[in-house]
Each structure stands twice: as C-alpha cells, then as structure tokens.
C-alpha cells in the first residue's frame, strides 16, 4: 500500500512562545490520527533546535489532506501564526516510492497509529 499524499511540514516557533506552540501542536495528534483518510501522523522536534517542529504525514489523497487542514481544531495555528511562529509553515509534498511499512498499533504507546491498516 502506498498513500496518495505524503507531506513533511516544518514549523519554526518563536523562542519566547515555544511552550504555547508545543501545547497547541500536541492537541492536533489524537484528532488527526482519528480522521478518515489519515494513514500516518508523526510529530517531531529537532535535536538541534528546540523551536523547530516537524510533522510527517501520510494521507489517502490530497483531498483528504485539504479536509484535514480545514478542520476547526487546526485553525488556531493559522489564526495565531504571527504570534507563535518565527516564519510561515513550510510544507513539502512527496511521492512514496516504496510500500508503506506497517506499524502494529500495539507498538505505539497511545495505540492510535493506523499505518498499514
């Protein structure tokens, strides 16, 4: 199985707003993973820059990704962009060239990863 849409989103927060931004970004994880069409949604922070966050996402299609971005719980990051972010969110679309490796839900602490299902 290969997803129809893979993205990496990079978010650079203002240092003085790091905790508020981190708290907001963490609220996206569970509802996003429960959305129809979400295959995989991973959240990371850079080892080198504590204000650089990265989302790695696999979706069934660009259409379901567009629906995700329009979800009400995503809107606060858009509305608070100038307050929380040091620069605009940078999203790059990719095509996965190898089949998605399945991750068993029991391997994920919160059990919400649906990769390979």
N, C-alpha and C. Protein backbone atom coordinates (compact mmCIF):
# COMPACT_ATOMS: atom_id res chain seq x y z
N UNK A 1 0.84 -1.19 0.00
CA UNK A 1 0.00 0.00 0.00
C UNK A 1 0.88 1.24 0.00
N UNK A 2 0.55 2.19 -0.87
CA UNK A 2 1.22 3.47 -0.87
C UNK A 2 0.17 4.56 -0.68
N UNK A 3 0.44 5.52 0.20
CA UNK A 3 -0.52 6.61 0.39
C UNK A 3 -0.57 7.50 -0.86
N UNK A 4 -1.69 8.16 -1.04
CA UNK A 4 -1.85 9.07 -2.16
C UNK A 4 -1.22 10.42 -1.92
N UNK A 5 -0.84 10.71 -0.68
CA UNK A 5 -0.28 12.02 -0.35
C UNK A 5 0.61 11.90 0.89
N UNK A 6 1.85 12.28 0.73
CA UNK A 6 2.80 12.33 1.84
C UNK A 6 3.31 13.75 1.95
N UNK A 7 3.35 14.27 3.17
CA UNK A 7 3.91 15.61 3.37
C UNK A 7 4.84 15.62 4.58
N UNK A 8 5.75 16.57 4.54
CA UNK A 8 6.54 16.94 5.71
C UNK A 8 6.29 18.42 5.93
N UNK A 9 5.84 18.74 7.12
CA UNK A 9 5.58 20.12 7.49
C UNK A 9 6.59 20.57 8.53
N UNK A 10 7.25 21.69 8.27
CA UNK A 10 8.22 22.26 9.21
C UNK A 10 7.65 23.53 9.81
N UNK A 11 7.73 23.60 11.13
CA UNK A 11 7.21 24.74 11.87
C UNK A 11 8.33 25.26 12.76
N UNK A 12 8.61 26.54 12.64
CA UNK A 12 9.62 27.20 13.48
C UNK A 12 8.93 28.18 14.40
N UNK A 13 9.01 27.90 15.69
CA UNK A 13 8.35 28.76 16.66
C UNK A 13 9.24 29.87 17.17
N UNK A 14 8.59 30.90 17.67
CA UNK A 14 9.32 31.97 18.35
C UNK A 14 9.80 31.40 19.68
N UNK A 15 11.07 31.60 20.03
CA UNK A 15 11.59 31.02 21.28
C UNK A 15 10.76 31.36 22.51
N UNK A 16 10.30 32.59 22.59
CA UNK A 16 9.54 33.01 23.78
C UNK A 16 8.11 32.44 23.79
N UNK A 17 7.69 31.82 22.70
CA UNK A 17 6.35 31.23 22.60
C UNK A 17 6.41 29.71 22.47
N UNK A 18 7.57 29.11 22.70
CA UNK A 18 7.76 27.68 22.48
C UNK A 18 6.74 26.83 23.23
N UNK A 19 6.55 27.07 24.51
CA UNK A 19 5.65 26.23 25.30
C UNK A 19 4.21 26.33 24.82
N UNK A 20 3.76 27.53 24.48
CA UNK A 20 2.40 27.70 23.97
C UNK A 20 2.24 27.00 22.62
N UNK A 21 3.25 27.12 21.75
CA UNK A 21 3.18 26.47 20.44
C UNK A 21 3.20 24.95 20.60
N UNK A 22 4.09 24.44 21.42
CA UNK A 22 4.16 23.00 21.65
C UNK A 22 2.83 22.46 22.16
N UNK A 23 2.25 23.14 23.13
CA UNK A 23 0.96 22.70 23.68
C UNK A 23 -0.12 22.68 22.59
N UNK A 24 -0.14 23.70 21.74
CA UNK A 24 -1.13 23.75 20.66
C UNK A 24 -0.90 22.62 19.66
N UNK A 25 0.34 22.42 19.23
CA UNK A 25 0.63 21.38 18.25
C UNK A 25 0.31 19.99 18.78
N UNK A 26 0.52 19.77 20.05
CA UNK A 26 0.21 18.46 20.63
C UNK A 26 -1.29 18.17 20.63
N UNK A 27 -2.13 19.21 20.61
CA UNK A 27 -3.58 18.97 20.56
C UNK A 27 -4.02 18.43 19.21
N UNK A 28 -3.18 18.50 18.19
CA UNK A 28 -3.54 18.03 16.85
C UNK A 28 -3.41 16.51 16.72
N UNK A 29 -2.59 15.88 17.53
CA UNK A 29 -2.18 14.50 17.30
C UNK A 29 -3.36 13.52 17.32
N UNK A 30 -4.07 13.44 18.42
CA UNK A 30 -5.13 12.43 18.54
C UNK A 30 -6.26 12.66 17.55
N UNK A 31 -6.81 13.87 17.43
CA UNK A 31 -7.91 14.02 16.46
C UNK A 31 -7.47 13.79 15.02
N UNK A 32 -6.25 14.17 14.69
CA UNK A 32 -5.78 13.95 13.32
C UNK A 32 -5.67 12.47 13.03
N UNK A 33 -5.10 11.71 13.94
CA UNK A 33 -4.95 10.26 13.72
C UNK A 33 -6.29 9.55 13.63
N UNK A 34 -7.34 10.16 14.13
CA UNK A 34 -8.68 9.57 14.07
C UNK A 34 -9.45 9.98 12.83
N UNK A 35 -8.92 10.93 12.05
CA UNK A 35 -9.63 11.39 10.86
C UNK A 35 -9.66 10.30 9.78
N UNK A 36 -10.80 10.20 9.08
CA UNK A 36 -10.84 9.30 7.92
C UNK A 36 -9.78 9.75 6.90
N UNK A 37 -9.05 8.82 6.36
CA UNK A 37 -8.05 9.14 5.35
C UNK A 37 -6.66 9.38 5.90
N UNK A 38 -6.52 9.49 7.23
CA UNK A 38 -5.19 9.64 7.83
C UNK A 38 -4.57 8.26 7.95
N UNK A 39 -3.44 8.06 7.30
CA UNK A 39 -2.75 6.78 7.36
C UNK A 39 -1.67 6.83 8.44
N UNK A 40 -0.96 7.95 8.51
CA UNK A 40 0.11 8.09 9.49
C UNK A 40 0.32 9.57 9.80
N UNK A 41 0.54 9.87 11.06
CA UNK A 41 0.75 11.25 11.51
C UNK A 41 1.75 11.22 12.64
N UNK A 42 2.96 11.74 12.38
CA UNK A 42 4.03 11.72 13.37
C UNK A 42 4.49 13.14 13.65
N UNK A 43 4.81 13.41 14.90
CA UNK A 43 5.20 14.74 15.36
C UNK A 43 6.60 14.66 15.97
N UNK A 44 7.50 15.55 15.55
CA UNK A 44 8.89 15.52 15.98
C UNK A 44 9.37 16.92 16.36
N UNK A 45 10.47 16.97 17.11
CA UNK A 45 11.18 18.21 17.38
C UNK A 45 12.65 17.97 17.03
N UNK A 46 13.31 18.98 16.51
CA UNK A 46 14.70 18.88 16.12
C UNK A 46 15.61 18.67 17.33
N UNK A 47 16.63 17.84 17.16
CA UNK A 47 17.65 17.67 18.18
C UNK A 47 18.53 18.91 18.30
N UNK A 48 18.59 19.69 17.22
CA UNK A 48 19.49 20.84 17.18
C UNK A 48 18.81 22.16 17.51
N UNK A 49 17.49 22.24 17.31
CA UNK A 49 16.76 23.48 17.54
C UNK A 49 15.44 23.16 18.22
N UNK A 50 15.30 23.47 19.50
CA UNK A 50 14.08 23.10 20.22
C UNK A 50 12.83 23.85 19.74
N UNK A 51 13.00 24.82 18.87
CA UNK A 51 11.87 25.58 18.33
C UNK A 51 11.48 25.14 16.93
N UNK A 52 12.13 24.08 16.44
CA UNK A 52 11.83 23.55 15.10
C UNK A 52 11.07 22.23 15.27
N UNK A 53 9.81 22.26 14.84
CA UNK A 53 8.94 21.08 14.92
C UNK A 53 8.69 20.57 13.50
N UNK A 54 8.47 19.25 13.39
CA UNK A 54 8.23 18.65 12.09
C UNK A 54 7.11 17.63 12.20
N UNK A 55 6.20 17.70 11.24
CA UNK A 55 5.15 16.70 11.11
C UNK A 55 5.44 15.87 9.86
N UNK A 56 5.36 14.56 10.01
CA UNK A 56 5.47 13.64 8.88
C UNK A 56 4.10 12.99 8.75
N UNK A 57 3.47 13.14 7.58
CA UNK A 57 2.08 12.71 7.42
C UNK A 57 1.89 11.92 6.14
N UNK A 58 1.07 10.88 6.22
CA UNK A 58 0.63 10.12 5.06
C UNK A 58 -0.90 10.12 5.04
N UNK A 59 -1.44 10.47 3.89
CA UNK A 59 -2.89 10.59 3.72
C UNK A 59 -3.32 9.78 2.50
N UNK A 60 -4.57 9.38 2.48
CA UNK A 60 -5.11 8.64 1.33
C UNK A 60 -5.05 9.46 0.04
N UNK A 61 -5.25 10.79 0.17
CA UNK A 61 -5.26 11.64 -1.02
C UNK A 61 -5.03 13.09 -0.61
N UNK A 62 -4.74 13.92 -1.60
CA UNK A 62 -4.61 15.36 -1.33
C UNK A 62 -5.96 15.95 -0.89
N UNK A 63 -7.04 15.37 -1.37
CA UNK A 63 -8.37 15.87 -1.00
C UNK A 63 -8.62 15.68 0.50
N UNK A 64 -8.26 14.52 1.05
CA UNK A 64 -8.47 14.34 2.50
C UNK A 64 -7.50 15.18 3.29
N UNK A 65 -6.30 15.43 2.77
CA UNK A 65 -5.38 16.36 3.43
C UNK A 65 -5.99 17.75 3.48
N UNK A 66 -6.60 18.19 2.38
CA UNK A 66 -7.24 19.51 2.36
C UNK A 66 -8.37 19.58 3.38
N UNK A 67 -9.12 18.49 3.52
CA UNK A 67 -10.18 18.45 4.53
C UNK A 67 -9.58 18.54 5.94
N UNK A 68 -8.45 17.89 6.15
CA UNK A 68 -7.77 17.94 7.45
C UNK A 68 -7.37 19.38 7.78
N UNK A 69 -6.75 20.06 6.83
CA UNK A 69 -6.27 21.43 7.07
C UNK A 69 -7.43 22.36 7.38
N UNK A 70 -8.62 22.05 6.88
CA UNK A 70 -9.80 22.88 7.13
C UNK A 70 -10.51 22.54 8.44
N UNK A 71 -10.05 21.52 9.16
CA UNK A 71 -10.71 21.12 10.41
C UNK A 71 -10.65 22.26 11.43
N UNK A 72 -11.71 22.43 12.22
CA UNK A 72 -11.73 23.53 13.20
C UNK A 72 -10.58 23.50 14.20
N UNK A 73 -10.12 22.33 14.60
CA UNK A 73 -9.06 22.28 15.60
C UNK A 73 -7.69 22.68 15.04
N UNK A 74 -7.56 22.77 13.70
CA UNK A 74 -6.31 23.22 13.06
C UNK A 74 -6.27 24.75 12.96
N UNK A 75 -7.41 25.38 12.97
CA UNK A 75 -7.48 26.82 12.71
C UNK A 75 -6.69 27.70 13.68
N UNK A 76 -6.55 27.34 14.97
CA UNK A 76 -5.78 28.21 15.87
C UNK A 76 -4.33 28.44 15.42
N UNK A 77 -3.69 27.47 14.80
CA UNK A 77 -2.32 27.69 14.33
C UNK A 77 -2.29 28.70 13.20
N UNK A 78 -3.33 28.70 12.38
CA UNK A 78 -3.42 29.66 11.28
C UNK A 78 -3.72 31.04 11.84
N UNK A 79 -4.66 31.12 12.77
CA UNK A 79 -5.04 32.39 13.36
C UNK A 79 -3.93 33.01 14.21
N UNK A 80 -3.08 32.19 14.82
CA UNK A 80 -2.03 32.68 15.72
C UNK A 80 -0.63 32.62 15.10
N UNK A 81 -0.57 32.46 13.79
CA UNK A 81 0.70 32.32 13.09
C UNK A 81 1.69 33.43 13.44
N UNK A 82 1.27 34.68 13.37
CA UNK A 82 2.19 35.80 13.62
C UNK A 82 2.63 35.87 15.08
N UNK A 83 1.79 35.41 15.97
CA UNK A 83 2.12 35.41 17.39
C UNK A 83 3.11 34.29 17.74
N UNK A 84 2.89 33.08 17.22
CA UNK A 84 3.63 31.90 17.66
C UNK A 84 4.81 31.50 16.78
N UNK A 85 4.75 31.83 15.49
CA UNK A 85 5.74 31.31 14.55
C UNK A 85 6.79 32.34 14.17
N UNK A 86 8.02 31.86 14.02
CA UNK A 86 9.12 32.72 13.59
C UNK A 86 9.11 32.92 12.07
N UNK A 87 8.47 31.99 11.36
CA UNK A 87 8.34 32.07 9.90
C UNK A 87 7.14 31.23 9.49
N UNK A 88 6.65 31.39 8.28
CA UNK A 88 5.48 30.61 7.86
C UNK A 88 5.75 29.11 7.87
N UNK A 89 4.70 28.33 8.07
CA UNK A 89 4.80 26.87 7.99
C UNK A 89 5.27 26.50 6.59
N UNK A 90 6.20 25.57 6.51
CA UNK A 90 6.72 25.12 5.22
C UNK A 90 6.32 23.66 5.02
N UNK A 91 5.52 23.41 3.99
CA UNK A 91 5.03 22.07 3.69
C UNK A 91 5.56 21.63 2.34
N UNK A 92 6.11 20.42 2.30
CA UNK A 92 6.61 19.83 1.05
C UNK A 92 5.85 18.53 0.82
N UNK A 93 5.35 18.36 -0.40
CA UNK A 93 4.64 17.13 -0.78
C UNK A 93 5.64 16.15 -1.38
N UNK A 94 5.44 14.88 -1.08
CA UNK A 94 6.31 13.82 -1.57
C UNK A 94 5.47 12.69 -2.16
N UNK A 95 6.11 11.91 -3.01
CA UNK A 95 5.52 10.66 -3.50
C UNK A 95 6.31 9.52 -2.86
N UNK A 96 5.62 8.63 -2.16
CA UNK A 96 6.27 7.49 -1.54
C UNK A 96 6.61 6.48 -2.63
N UNK A 97 7.87 6.06 -2.67
CA UNK A 97 8.31 5.16 -3.73
C UNK A 97 8.34 3.70 -3.31
N UNK A 98 8.25 3.43 -2.03
CA UNK A 98 8.21 2.05 -1.53
C UNK A 98 6.91 1.85 -0.79
N UNK A 99 6.42 0.63 -0.72
CA UNK A 99 5.19 0.40 0.04
C UNK A 99 5.36 0.83 1.50
N UNK A 100 4.29 1.32 2.07
CA UNK A 100 4.30 1.75 3.46
C UNK A 100 4.54 0.55 4.35
N UNK A 101 5.49 0.68 5.26
CA UNK A 101 5.76 -0.40 6.22
C UNK A 101 4.73 -0.34 7.32
N UNK A 102 4.06 -1.43 7.56
CA UNK A 102 3.01 -1.48 8.58
C UNK A 102 3.62 -1.35 9.97
N UNK A 103 2.94 -0.60 10.81
CA UNK A 103 3.28 -0.48 12.23
C UNK A 103 2.10 -1.03 12.99
N UNK A 104 2.34 -1.98 13.85
CA UNK A 104 1.26 -2.57 14.62
C UNK A 104 0.82 -1.58 15.69
N UNK A 105 -0.49 -1.33 15.86
CA UNK A 105 -0.96 -0.36 16.86
C UNK A 105 -0.43 -0.62 18.26
N UNK A 106 -0.17 -1.87 18.61
CA UNK A 106 0.34 -2.14 19.96
C UNK A 106 1.78 -1.67 20.13
N UNK A 107 2.46 -1.34 19.02
CA UNK A 107 3.82 -0.82 19.09
C UNK A 107 3.85 0.67 19.38
N UNK A 108 2.70 1.32 19.33
CA UNK A 108 2.60 2.76 19.55
C UNK A 108 1.95 2.98 20.91
N UNK A 109 2.58 3.78 21.78
CA UNK A 109 2.06 3.93 23.15
C UNK A 109 0.58 4.29 23.26
N UNK A 110 0.10 5.19 22.41
CA UNK A 110 -1.32 5.57 22.53
C UNK A 110 -2.23 4.73 21.65
N UNK A 111 -1.66 3.83 20.84
CA UNK A 111 -2.44 2.91 20.03
C UNK A 111 -3.21 3.54 18.90
N UNK A 112 -2.92 4.82 18.56
CA UNK A 112 -3.72 5.50 17.54
C UNK A 112 -3.08 5.49 16.17
N UNK A 113 -1.86 4.96 16.02
CA UNK A 113 -1.24 4.91 14.71
C UNK A 113 -1.92 3.84 13.88
N UNK A 114 -2.40 4.21 12.70
CA UNK A 114 -3.15 3.28 11.87
C UNK A 114 -2.39 2.90 10.61
N UNK A 115 -1.07 3.09 10.60
CA UNK A 115 -0.29 2.76 9.41
C UNK A 115 -0.47 1.31 9.03
N UNK A 116 -0.68 1.07 7.79
CA UNK A 116 -0.79 -0.28 7.28
C UNK A 116 -2.16 -0.90 7.45
N UNK A 117 -3.10 -0.19 8.03
CA UNK A 117 -4.45 -0.74 8.20
C UNK A 117 -5.31 -0.35 7.04
